[in-house]
């Protein structure tokens, strides 16, 4: 390989946290009101975004995302691609876990081997299944060897793959570790009552100090109750603020509303199977053209959403900026339906999980009303997520009629590949679309280490999906909405996570 290409393939990043130089203990206390509860503090057995926000306070990864979304280093002070199948990480020296154990290459090796151990049944295995082995080069240098070239490994290292002390995690069983975590993050867990509250205290061995010494999390599932707690001053910041309650917060004396576009895309998947009208691409185009996305985002989402063209948004690597959301054109939709032999329309079921997505039911009912104007009768079926999954996973059985379903996908890896592989690929559990050509392009992009070439492949996939295949009904990316006391110093992250260690009081470090 030419020297220029080698240099283009090598990633070497070094990032110094200014907080690492702060030796003084943090002061003060903040109270967070959060919707999502916490089921385990074992950092290797979870895979959901709400839980990861808590784990990030207690554990650390080799790499991370800065608040503005940039991939950078954390426990690793630098990293590089030594070869297409070897990633090498240089660790920061002299760091300790909260129990005093050293953070070194052996700890990294143990942590990933634990994730890959089939006995653990880690939900993170799928993100790291390309790993063949880990090699300790020296005390602070570790290599990750992969079975094949894997450009997605660094982004996933910034989400999962928390590093833990080997002796402690070998000594205790899974049940104990689920409630008694030991990591190297800014906080340690002082108290935790499932479904009720969680108390963090500053980790005495932390090299990155939290903004305040004590952070209390109150789990409040009901949005109206969270808002009331914020306005009364019982909590300092709340997440998952519904658009309809934002005005109540902004009109209060002590609180304000902060929003941030998140990489979460809401969309409708079609089960493309024999007997479905949308087997015809003209019908799929018509269903997209019959939706007034601007009206939905303005009137139902109250401006807290932005239409998208495919699945990804501007923040994603591989995003094609030349693709525009489908325009609202009901007349053209009617024409396409007539050409496909459905001039009189048709009826179908569309499923949505109860309470899972912000204003999802209201948005879907609005879309159903727009479809009705072109002769399409959508029967909106609201179900519990567990029941809905059973229907989704049985979609290709002969006795299951074709249907559509409403989902939202969080692009935690900030990569178009992450979105396409999860919803468009034939191997996707949720996808209703199968195309060998698209699968081939996804696999090619997945193994292309040259970033520029990989980005072009993703952009081409997006173009084909938008203009030729039309396998889904892309809708919009939502905004994460927070209610925040004016006394706080806090800026929302690009990934939408509310991390307790990043919330500070005005004037705090």
Protein backbone atom coordinates (compact mmCIF):
# COMPACT_ATOMS: atom_id res chain seq x y z
CA UNK A 1 0.00 0.00 0.00
CA UNK A 2 1.25 3.41 -0.87
CA UNK A 3 2.64 5.55 1.94
CA UNK A 4 -0.06 8.22 1.36
CA UNK A 5 -2.80 5.65 1.75
CA UNK A 6 -1.22 4.26 4.91
CA UNK A 7 -1.10 7.71 6.41
CA UNK A 8 -4.75 8.25 5.48
CA UNK A 9 -5.72 5.04 7.21
CA UNK A 10 -3.87 5.68 10.44
CA UNK A 11 -5.82 7.31 13.23
CA UNK A 12 -3.88 8.86 16.05
CA UNK A 13 -5.67 11.08 18.44
CA UNK A 14 -4.62 12.65 21.68
CA UNK A 15 -6.90 14.68 23.91
CA UNK A 16 -6.16 16.28 27.26
CA UNK A 17 -9.04 16.84 29.64
CA UNK A 18 -8.64 20.15 31.37
CA UNK A 19 -10.48 18.74 34.34
CA UNK A 20 -7.64 16.27 34.80
CA UNK A 21 -5.52 19.09 36.13
CA UNK A 22 -8.11 20.08 38.73
CA UNK A 23 -7.02 18.62 42.07
CA UNK A 24 -9.47 20.33 44.36
CA UNK A 25 -12.58 18.40 45.30
CA UNK A 26 -15.81 19.43 43.65
CA UNK A 27 -18.47 21.21 45.72
CA UNK A 28 -22.25 21.45 45.70
CA UNK A 29 -25.18 19.24 44.80
CA UNK A 30 -27.58 18.88 41.87
CA UNK A 31 -30.81 16.89 41.58
CA UNK A 32 -31.84 15.34 38.25
CA UNK A 33 -35.36 14.21 37.41
CA UNK A 34 -35.12 11.49 34.76
CA UNK A 35 -37.73 9.38 33.00
CA UNK A 36 -35.67 6.27 32.35
CA UNK A 37 -35.12 3.85 35.22
CA UNK A 38 -32.03 1.75 35.76
CA UNK A 39 -32.00 -2.05 35.84
CA UNK A 40 -28.32 -2.91 36.38
CA UNK A 41 -24.96 -1.32 37.07
CA UNK A 42 -23.06 -4.12 35.40
CA UNK A 43 -21.42 -2.17 32.55
CA UNK A 44 -21.22 -5.15 30.20
CA UNK A 45 -24.76 -6.52 30.29
CA UNK A 46 -26.79 -3.53 29.08
CA UNK A 47 -27.26 -1.94 25.65
CA UNK A 48 -29.80 0.85 26.07
CA UNK A 49 -29.15 4.57 25.85
CA UNK A 50 -30.98 5.54 29.08
CA UNK A 51 -28.84 3.12 31.07
CA UNK A 52 -25.59 4.18 29.38
CA UNK A 53 -26.08 7.71 30.67
CA UNK A 54 -25.76 6.40 34.23
CA UNK A 55 -22.88 4.06 33.51
CA UNK A 56 -20.91 6.92 31.99
CA UNK A 57 -20.82 8.55 35.42
CA UNK A 58 -19.22 5.50 37.02
CA UNK A 59 -17.19 3.83 34.27
CA UNK A 60 -14.92 4.95 31.44
CA UNK A 61 -14.11 3.75 27.96
CA UNK A 62 -10.98 3.89 25.83
CA UNK A 63 -12.59 6.51 23.59
CA UNK A 64 -15.55 8.82 23.98
CA UNK A 65 -17.67 11.47 22.33
CA UNK A 66 -17.05 15.05 23.38
CA UNK A 67 -20.19 17.09 24.13
CA UNK A 68 -20.12 18.44 20.57
CA UNK A 69 -20.11 14.90 19.16
CA UNK A 70 -16.45 14.55 18.16
CA UNK A 71 -14.76 11.18 18.63
CA UNK A 72 -11.85 11.61 21.03
CA UNK A 73 -9.76 9.77 23.61
CA UNK A 74 -10.53 9.02 27.25
CA UNK A 75 -8.63 6.27 29.08
CA UNK A 76 -6.53 5.97 25.95
CA UNK A 77 -4.23 8.98 25.47
CA UNK A 78 -3.73 8.04 21.81
CA UNK A 79 -4.63 5.32 19.35
CA UNK A 80 -3.80 4.26 15.84
CA UNK A 81 -4.62 1.64 13.27
CA UNK A 82 -1.40 -0.37 13.14
CA UNK A 83 -2.81 -2.44 10.26
CA UNK A 84 -6.32 -2.97 8.82
CA UNK A 85 -6.92 -5.67 11.46
CA UNK A 86 -4.99 -4.22 14.40
CA UNK A 87 -5.90 -1.21 16.54
CA UNK A 88 -3.31 -0.08 19.09
CA UNK A 89 -4.13 2.00 22.17
CA UNK A 90 -1.72 3.86 24.47
CA UNK A 91 -3.26 4.31 27.93
CA UNK A 92 -2.90 7.25 30.27
CA UNK A 93 -0.44 6.28 32.97
CA UNK A 94 -0.89 6.22 36.72
CA UNK A 95 -4.71 6.16 36.78
CA UNK A 96 -6.69 4.12 39.31
CA UNK A 97 -10.16 2.64 39.69
CA UNK A 98 -12.31 3.88 42.56
CA UNK A 99 -11.12 0.91 44.69
CA UNK A 100 -7.46 1.78 44.12
CA UNK A 101 -6.66 -0.93 41.55
CA UNK A 102 -4.48 0.23 38.62
CA UNK A 103 -5.90 0.97 35.17
CA UNK A 104 -3.61 -0.81 32.73
CA UNK A 105 -3.54 -2.93 29.59
CA UNK A 106 -4.47 -6.08 31.55
CA UNK A 107 -7.68 -4.37 32.72
CA UNK A 108 -8.56 -3.50 29.13
CA UNK A 109 -7.89 -7.05 27.98
CA UNK A 110 -9.98 -8.52 30.78
CA UNK A 111 -12.90 -6.14 30.18
CA UNK A 112 -13.32 -7.05 26.53
CA UNK A 113 -12.76 -10.74 27.12
CA UNK A 114 -15.55 -10.53 29.68
CA UNK A 115 -17.88 -8.95 27.10
CA UNK A 116 -16.98 -11.64 24.56
CA UNK A 117 -17.41 -14.50 27.04
CA UNK A 118 -20.56 -16.39 25.93
CA UNK A 119 -21.32 -17.28 29.56
CA UNK A 120 -21.97 -13.60 30.36
CA UNK A 121 -24.46 -13.27 27.49
CA UNK A 122 -23.49 -9.63 27.09
CA UNK A 123 -25.83 -7.54 24.97
CA UNK A 124 -22.74 -5.64 23.83
CA UNK A 125 -21.28 -8.70 22.13
CA UNK A 126 -22.77 -7.69 18.78
CA UNK A 127 -20.76 -4.46 18.75
CA UNK A 128 -17.46 -6.23 19.38
CA UNK A 129 -17.94 -9.60 17.68
CA UNK A 130 -15.30 -8.66 15.10
CA UNK A 131 -12.63 -8.86 17.84
CA UNK A 132 -10.39 -11.92 17.47
CA UNK A 133 -8.05 -11.30 20.40
CA UNK A 134 -6.43 -8.68 22.62
CA UNK A 135 -2.67 -8.44 23.16
CA UNK A 136 -0.91 -6.73 26.06
CA UNK A 137 2.17 -5.09 24.53
CA UNK A 138 3.32 -3.47 27.78
CA UNK A 139 1.74 -2.11 30.96
CA UNK A 140 0.06 0.79 29.16
CA UNK A 141 -0.21 -0.47 25.57
CA UNK A 142 -2.86 -2.85 24.28
CA UNK A 143 -3.72 -4.09 20.80
CA UNK A 144 -7.15 -5.17 19.60
CA UNK A 145 -6.91 -7.70 16.76
CA UNK A 146 -10.03 -8.12 14.61
CA UNK A 147 -11.16 -10.98 12.41
CA UNK A 148 -11.59 -8.55 9.52
CA UNK A 149 -11.12 -4.86 8.91
CA UNK A 150 -13.54 -3.02 11.20
CA UNK A 151 -13.74 0.78 10.83
CA UNK A 152 -16.72 0.86 13.19
CA UNK A 153 -14.75 -0.35 16.18
CA UNK A 154 -13.64 3.14 17.40
CA UNK A 155 -17.18 4.62 17.35
CA UNK A 156 -18.52 1.66 19.31
CA UNK A 157 -15.64 1.95 21.78
CA UNK A 158 -16.95 5.41 22.55
CA UNK A 159 -20.32 4.00 23.65
CA UNK A 160 -19.68 0.56 25.10
CA UNK A 161 -16.69 -1.43 26.29
CA UNK A 162 -16.36 0.06 29.78
CA UNK A 163 -13.11 -0.84 31.53
CA UNK A 164 -13.32 -2.56 34.94
CA UNK A 165 -10.80 -3.86 37.52
CA UNK A 166 -10.10 -7.58 36.85
CA UNK A 167 -9.61 -8.76 40.45
CA UNK A 168 -12.88 -7.23 41.65
CA UNK A 169 -14.97 -8.52 38.74
CA UNK A 170 -13.45 -11.99 38.96
CA UNK A 171 -14.13 -12.18 42.69
CA UNK A 172 -17.87 -11.35 42.66
CA UNK A 173 -20.88 -12.91 40.91
CA UNK A 174 -23.15 -11.18 38.41
CA UNK A 175 -25.90 -10.47 40.95
CA UNK A 176 -23.49 -8.66 43.27
CA UNK A 177 -21.84 -6.72 40.44
CA UNK A 178 -25.20 -5.53 39.16
CA UNK A 179 -25.62 -3.49 42.33
CA UNK A 180 -22.03 -2.77 43.44
CA UNK A 181 -20.09 -1.23 40.56
CA UNK A 182 -16.41 -0.24 40.56
CA UNK A 183 -15.09 1.92 37.75
CA UNK A 184 -12.90 4.95 37.09
CA UNK A 185 -15.56 7.53 36.26
CA UNK A 186 -16.14 10.87 38.01
CA UNK A 187 -18.60 9.33 40.48
CA UNK A 188 -19.14 6.31 42.69
CA UNK A 189 -22.58 5.00 43.61
CA UNK A 190 -23.35 5.82 47.24
CA UNK A 191 -27.01 4.74 47.26
CA UNK A 192 -29.41 3.19 44.76
CA UNK A 193 -33.06 2.28 45.15
CA UNK A 194 -34.39 0.72 41.96
CA UNK A 195 -37.11 2.76 40.32
CA UNK A 196 -36.81 5.50 42.96
CA UNK A 197 -33.52 7.31 43.25
CA UNK A 198 -29.76 7.15 42.88
CA UNK A 199 -27.05 9.05 44.75
CA UNK A 200 -23.62 9.71 43.24
CA UNK A 201 -20.62 10.95 45.21
CA UNK A 202 -17.34 12.17 43.76
CA UNK A 203 -14.88 9.34 43.09
CA UNK A 204 -11.80 10.11 45.24
CA UNK A 205 -9.54 8.53 42.62
CA UNK A 206 -11.15 10.26 39.64
CA UNK A 207 -8.77 11.95 37.23
CA UNK A 208 -11.71 13.85 35.75
CA UNK A 209 -13.63 15.62 38.46
CA UNK A 210 -17.44 16.01 38.19
CA UNK A 211 -18.90 19.51 38.15
CA UNK A 212 -20.46 19.01 41.59
CA UNK A 213 -19.57 16.67 44.47
CA UNK A 214 -23.01 15.06 44.85
CA UNK A 215 -25.58 14.26 42.18
CA UNK A 216 -28.98 12.81 43.05
CA UNK A 217 -31.14 11.19 40.38
CA UNK A 218 -34.87 10.88 41.02
CA UNK A 219 -36.60 8.49 38.63
CA UNK A 220 -39.89 10.14 37.65
CA UNK A 221 -41.61 8.35 34.73
CA UNK A 222 -44.61 10.69 34.46
CA UNK A 223 -43.75 13.81 32.46
CA UNK A 224 -46.26 16.06 34.27
CA UNK A 225 -44.76 15.02 37.60
CA UNK A 226 -41.23 15.77 36.34
CA UNK A 227 -42.32 19.23 35.22
CA UNK A 228 -44.03 19.94 38.55
CA UNK A 229 -40.89 18.86 40.41
CA UNK A 230 -38.77 21.20 38.29
CA UNK A 231 -41.04 24.21 38.74
CA UNK A 232 -41.31 23.64 42.50
CA UNK A 233 -37.53 23.43 42.78
CA UNK A 234 -37.45 19.80 43.95
CA UNK A 235 -35.21 18.94 40.98
CA UNK A 236 -32.72 21.06 39.05
CA UNK A 237 -32.97 19.53 35.59
CA UNK A 238 -35.34 17.14 33.81
CA UNK A 239 -35.10 15.14 30.58
CA UNK A 240 -37.68 13.99 28.04
CA UNK A 241 -39.78 17.14 28.32
CA UNK A 242 -42.85 16.72 26.04
CA UNK A 243 -43.41 19.57 23.55
CA UNK A 244 -46.85 20.25 25.03
CA UNK A 245 -45.35 21.02 28.45
CA UNK A 246 -42.43 23.13 27.24
CA UNK A 247 -44.47 26.34 27.50
CA UNK A 248 -45.27 25.64 31.14
CA UNK A 249 -41.55 25.41 31.92
CA UNK A 250 -40.50 28.46 29.91
CA UNK A 251 -43.20 30.59 31.58
CA UNK A 252 -42.05 29.67 35.09
CA UNK A 253 -39.82 32.01 37.09
CA UNK A 254 -36.84 29.80 37.82
CA UNK A 255 -36.58 27.39 34.87
CA UNK A 256 -35.93 27.46 31.14
CA UNK A 257 -36.24 25.10 28.18
CA UNK A 258 -33.18 23.84 26.33
CA UNK A 259 -33.47 21.77 23.16
CA UNK A 260 -30.93 19.87 21.08
CA UNK A 261 -31.50 18.00 17.83
CA UNK A 262 -30.66 14.40 18.54
CA UNK A 263 -29.53 11.68 16.15
CA UNK A 264 -32.79 9.80 16.76
CA UNK A 265 -34.80 9.27 13.57
CA UNK A 266 -38.50 8.41 13.61
CA UNK A 267 -39.68 6.37 10.64
CA UNK A 268 -42.21 3.83 9.42
CA UNK A 269 -41.09 0.41 8.23
CA UNK A 270 -43.01 -1.53 5.61
CA UNK A 271 -43.17 -5.29 5.75
CA UNK A 272 -42.44 -5.94 2.11
CA UNK A 273 -43.86 -9.38 1.44
CA UNK A 274 -46.18 -11.15 -0.99
CA UNK A 275 -49.67 -9.66 -0.93
CA UNK A 276 -48.60 -6.21 0.25
CA UNK A 277 -49.65 -3.32 -2.00
CA UNK A 278 -46.31 -1.68 -1.26
CA UNK A 279 -44.48 -4.50 -3.01
CA UNK A 280 -44.82 -2.00 -5.89
CA UNK A 281 -42.26 0.78 -5.54
CA UNK A 282 -44.80 3.25 -6.95
CA UNK A 283 -46.99 2.63 -3.92
CA UNK A 284 -44.03 3.16 -1.60
CA UNK A 285 -43.29 6.50 -3.30
CA UNK A 286 -46.96 7.47 -3.07
CA UNK A 287 -47.07 6.76 0.66
CA UNK A 288 -44.09 9.07 1.14
CA UNK A 289 -45.46 11.83 -1.08
CA UNK A 290 -48.80 11.80 0.76
CA UNK A 291 -47.20 12.91 4.04
CA UNK A 292 -46.82 16.59 4.87
CA UNK A 293 -43.76 16.30 7.13
CA UNK A 294 -43.50 20.04 7.66
CA UNK A 295 -47.06 20.13 8.97
CA UNK A 296 -46.42 17.18 11.29
CA UNK A 297 -43.24 18.67 12.74
CA UNK A 298 -44.77 22.14 13.11
CA UNK A 299 -48.25 21.37 14.40
CA UNK A 300 -47.85 18.08 16.25
CA UNK A 301 -44.19 18.11 17.25
CA UNK A 302 -44.47 21.87 17.90
CA UNK A 303 -41.21 22.59 16.11
CA UNK A 304 -39.21 20.05 18.14
CA UNK A 305 -38.45 17.86 15.11
CA UNK A 306 -36.88 18.23 11.66
CA UNK A 307 -37.74 16.19 8.52
CA UNK A 308 -35.10 13.83 7.11
CA UNK A 309 -34.61 12.27 3.68
CA UNK A 310 -33.57 8.74 4.61
CA UNK A 311 -32.60 7.57 8.12
CA UNK A 312 -29.55 9.59 8.99
CA UNK A 313 -29.13 13.27 9.72
CA UNK A 314 -26.45 15.93 9.26
CA UNK A 315 -24.49 14.72 12.32
CA UNK A 316 -23.92 11.24 10.88
CA UNK A 317 -20.76 10.14 9.09
CA UNK A 318 -21.81 9.20 5.55
CA UNK A 319 -24.76 11.59 5.43
CA UNK A 320 -25.64 12.66 1.89
CA UNK A 321 -26.40 16.41 2.02
CA UNK A 322 -27.83 16.32 -1.51
CA UNK A 323 -30.81 14.23 -0.45
CA UNK A 324 -33.93 16.16 0.47
CA UNK A 325 -36.99 14.99 2.43
CA UNK A 326 -39.96 13.89 0.34
CA UNK A 327 -42.10 16.88 -0.66
CA UNK A 328 -45.81 16.90 0.10
CA UNK A 329 -47.54 16.11 -3.20
CA UNK A 330 -50.90 14.33 -2.74
CA UNK A 331 -51.84 14.69 -6.40
CA UNK A 332 -48.73 12.88 -7.55
CA UNK A 333 -49.36 10.28 -4.85
CA UNK A 334 -52.85 9.64 -6.24
CA UNK A 335 -51.45 9.33 -9.75
CA UNK A 336 -48.83 6.76 -8.68
CA UNK A 337 -51.43 4.74 -6.78
CA UNK A 338 -53.67 4.66 -9.86
CA UNK A 339 -50.76 3.57 -12.06
CA UNK A 340 -50.04 0.74 -9.62
CA UNK A 341 -53.69 -0.41 -9.75
CA UNK A 342 -54.77 1.07 -6.40
CA UNK A 343 -56.74 4.07 -7.59
CA UNK A 344 -59.43 3.31 -5.01
CA UNK A 345 -56.86 2.96 -2.25
CA UNK A 346 -56.52 0.17 0.30
CA UNK A 347 -56.53 -0.42 4.05
CA UNK A 348 -53.80 -1.73 6.32
CA UNK A 349 -52.62 -1.89 9.93
CA UNK A 350 -49.77 0.22 11.29
CA UNK A 351 -48.42 -0.56 14.74
CA UNK A 352 -46.77 1.73 17.27
CA UNK A 353 -45.47 0.92 20.79
CA UNK A 354 -47.30 2.65 23.62
CA UNK A 355 -45.42 5.60 25.14
CA UNK A 356 -42.05 4.72 23.62
CA UNK A 357 -41.52 7.74 21.35
CA UNK A 358 -42.14 11.44 21.95
CA UNK A 359 -45.57 12.31 20.50
CA UNK A 360 -45.32 9.19 18.37
CA UNK A 361 -49.00 8.21 18.58
CA UNK A 362 -50.16 11.75 17.84
CA UNK A 363 -47.79 12.03 14.87
CA UNK A 364 -48.88 8.68 13.46
CA UNK A 365 -52.55 9.60 13.76
CA UNK A 366 -51.77 12.83 11.89
CA UNK A 367 -50.02 10.84 9.16
CA UNK A 368 -52.99 8.45 8.96
CA UNK A 369 -55.24 11.46 8.36
CA UNK A 370 -53.01 12.64 5.51
CA UNK A 371 -52.92 9.17 3.96
CA UNK A 372 -56.72 9.11 4.08
CA UNK A 373 -56.81 12.08 1.68
CA UNK A 374 -55.31 9.88 -1.05
CA UNK A 375 -57.49 6.85 -0.28
CA UNK A 376 -55.20 4.99 2.11
CA UNK A 377 -56.93 3.81 5.28
CA UNK A 378 -54.38 3.25 8.06
CA UNK A 379 -55.64 1.46 11.15
CA UNK A 380 -53.39 2.72 13.96
CA UNK A 381 -52.74 -0.05 16.49
CA UNK A 382 -51.17 1.05 19.78
CA UNK A 383 -49.57 -1.86 21.64
CA UNK A 384 -47.19 -2.62 24.45
CA UNK A 385 -43.65 -2.99 23.13
CA UNK A 386 -43.33 -6.64 24.15
CA UNK A 387 -46.48 -7.62 22.24
CA UNK A 388 -45.51 -5.54 19.25
CA UNK A 389 -42.11 -7.21 19.00
CA UNK A 390 -43.81 -10.60 18.74
CA UNK A 391 -45.78 -9.34 15.74
CA UNK A 392 -42.69 -7.82 14.14
CA UNK A 393 -40.62 -10.98 14.51
CA UNK A 394 -43.40 -13.07 12.98
CA UNK A 395 -43.81 -10.76 9.97
CA UNK A 396 -42.76 -13.30 7.36
CA UNK A 397 -45.08 -16.09 8.50
CA UNK A 398 -47.75 -17.01 5.94
CA UNK A 399 -50.63 -16.35 8.34
CA UNK A 400 -49.44 -12.80 9.15
CA UNK A 401 -50.93 -10.11 6.92
CA UNK A 402 -48.63 -7.37 5.61
CA UNK A 403 -48.42 -4.39 7.94
CA UNK A 404 -46.40 -1.27 8.73
CA UNK A 405 -44.91 -0.21 12.04
CA UNK A 406 -43.58 2.98 13.54
CA UNK A 407 -40.11 2.97 15.11
CA UNK A 408 -37.36 5.36 16.05
CA UNK A 409 -33.67 4.56 15.89
CA UNK A 410 -30.94 6.30 17.85
CA UNK A 411 -27.72 6.72 15.93
CA UNK A 412 -25.49 6.29 18.94
CA UNK A 413 -22.47 5.51 16.75
CA UNK A 414 -23.04 8.70 14.69
CA UNK A 415 -22.66 6.64 11.55
CA UNK A 416 -24.96 6.13 8.59
CA UNK A 417 -23.83 2.51 8.55
CA UNK A 418 -25.22 2.04 12.04
CA UNK A 419 -28.62 3.23 10.82
CA UNK A 420 -28.68 1.31 7.54
CA UNK A 421 -27.43 -1.97 8.98
CA UNK A 422 -29.97 -1.79 11.78
CA UNK A 423 -33.07 -1.06 9.69
CA UNK A 424 -32.32 -1.63 5.99
CA UNK A 425 -30.04 -4.66 5.90
CA UNK A 426 -31.62 -8.04 5.16
CA UNK A 427 -30.07 -9.31 8.40
CA UNK A 428 -31.95 -6.73 10.49
CA UNK A 429 -34.48 -8.22 12.87
CA UNK A 430 -36.74 -5.22 12.38
CA UNK A 431 -36.23 -4.53 8.70
CA UNK A 432 -38.91 -5.42 6.21
CA UNK A 433 -36.71 -4.80 3.18
CA UNK A 434 -34.38 -7.22 1.44
CA UNK A 435 -32.09 -6.27 -1.41
CA UNK A 436 -28.86 -8.09 -2.29
CA UNK A 437 -27.41 -5.02 -3.98
CA UNK A 438 -27.92 -2.84 -0.89
CA UNK A 439 -26.57 -5.59 1.37
CA UNK A 440 -23.46 -5.79 -0.83
CA UNK A 441 -22.88 -2.04 -0.61
CA UNK A 442 -23.36 -2.04 3.18
CA UNK A 443 -20.85 -4.89 3.59
CA UNK A 444 -18.36 -3.18 1.29
CA UNK A 445 -18.62 0.07 3.24
CA UNK A 446 -18.36 -1.82 6.52
CA UNK A 447 -14.95 -3.21 5.55
CA UNK A 448 -13.54 -0.12 3.79
CA UNK A 449 -10.92 1.51 6.00
CA UNK A 450 -10.38 4.59 3.86
CA UNK A 451 -12.81 7.10 5.35
CA UNK A 452 -13.35 9.09 2.15
CA UNK A 453 -14.15 5.98 0.12
CA UNK A 454 -16.38 4.62 2.87
CA UNK A 455 -18.31 7.88 3.10
CA UNK A 456 -18.98 7.84 -0.67
CA UNK A 457 -20.40 4.32 -0.41
CA UNK A 458 -22.79 5.34 2.36
CA UNK A 459 -23.89 8.38 0.37
CA UNK A 460 -24.56 6.16 -2.63
CA UNK A 461 -26.63 3.80 -0.47
CA UNK A 462 -28.64 6.78 0.72
CA UNK A 463 -29.22 7.94 -2.86
CA UNK A 464 -30.47 4.50 -3.95
CA UNK A 465 -32.76 4.19 -0.95
CA UNK A 466 -34.20 7.67 -1.43
CA UNK A 467 -34.70 7.70 -5.19
CA UNK A 468 -34.89 4.07 -6.35
CA UNK A 469 -35.81 1.48 -3.73
CA UNK A 470 -37.83 3.56 -1.21
CA UNK A 471 -38.04 0.78 1.42
CA UNK A 472 -39.20 2.93 4.34
CA UNK A 473 -41.13 6.06 5.22
CA UNK A 474 -38.54 8.37 6.81
CA UNK A 475 -40.14 11.06 8.94
CA UNK A 476 -38.02 13.31 11.13
CA UNK A 477 -35.34 13.62 13.77
CA UNK A 478 -36.63 14.76 17.12
CA UNK A 479 -35.11 17.26 19.49
CA UNK A 480 -34.16 16.26 23.00
CA UNK A 481 -35.96 18.72 25.27
CA UNK A 482 -34.79 19.54 28.78
CA UNK A 483 -36.16 21.68 31.57
CA UNK A 484 -33.33 23.39 33.43
CA UNK A 485 -33.15 25.60 36.52
CA UNK A 486 -31.60 28.95 35.66
CA UNK A 487 -29.04 28.46 38.44
CA UNK A 488 -27.43 25.59 36.50
CA UNK A 489 -24.48 25.70 34.17
CA UNK A 490 -25.06 23.03 31.52
CA UNK A 491 -24.92 22.57 27.75
CA UNK A 492 -26.74 19.68 26.03
CA UNK A 493 -24.67 17.04 24.29
CA UNK A 494 -24.88 16.21 20.60
CA UNK A 495 -25.86 12.62 21.49
CA UNK A 496 -28.73 13.78 23.71
CA UNK A 497 -27.39 12.12 26.88
CA UNK A 498 -27.96 13.78 30.24
CA UNK A 499 -24.82 12.89 32.19
CA UNK A 500 -24.88 13.88 35.84
CA UNK A 501 -21.13 14.56 36.01
CA UNK A 502 -21.50 17.29 33.36
CA UNK A 503 -24.21 19.24 35.21
CA UNK A 504 -22.87 22.10 37.30
CA UNK A 505 -23.99 25.11 39.27
CA UNK A 506 -23.45 28.59 37.88
CA UNK A 507 -19.93 29.64 38.81
CA UNK A 508 -18.73 26.06 39.47
CA UNK A 509 -15.66 24.60 37.79
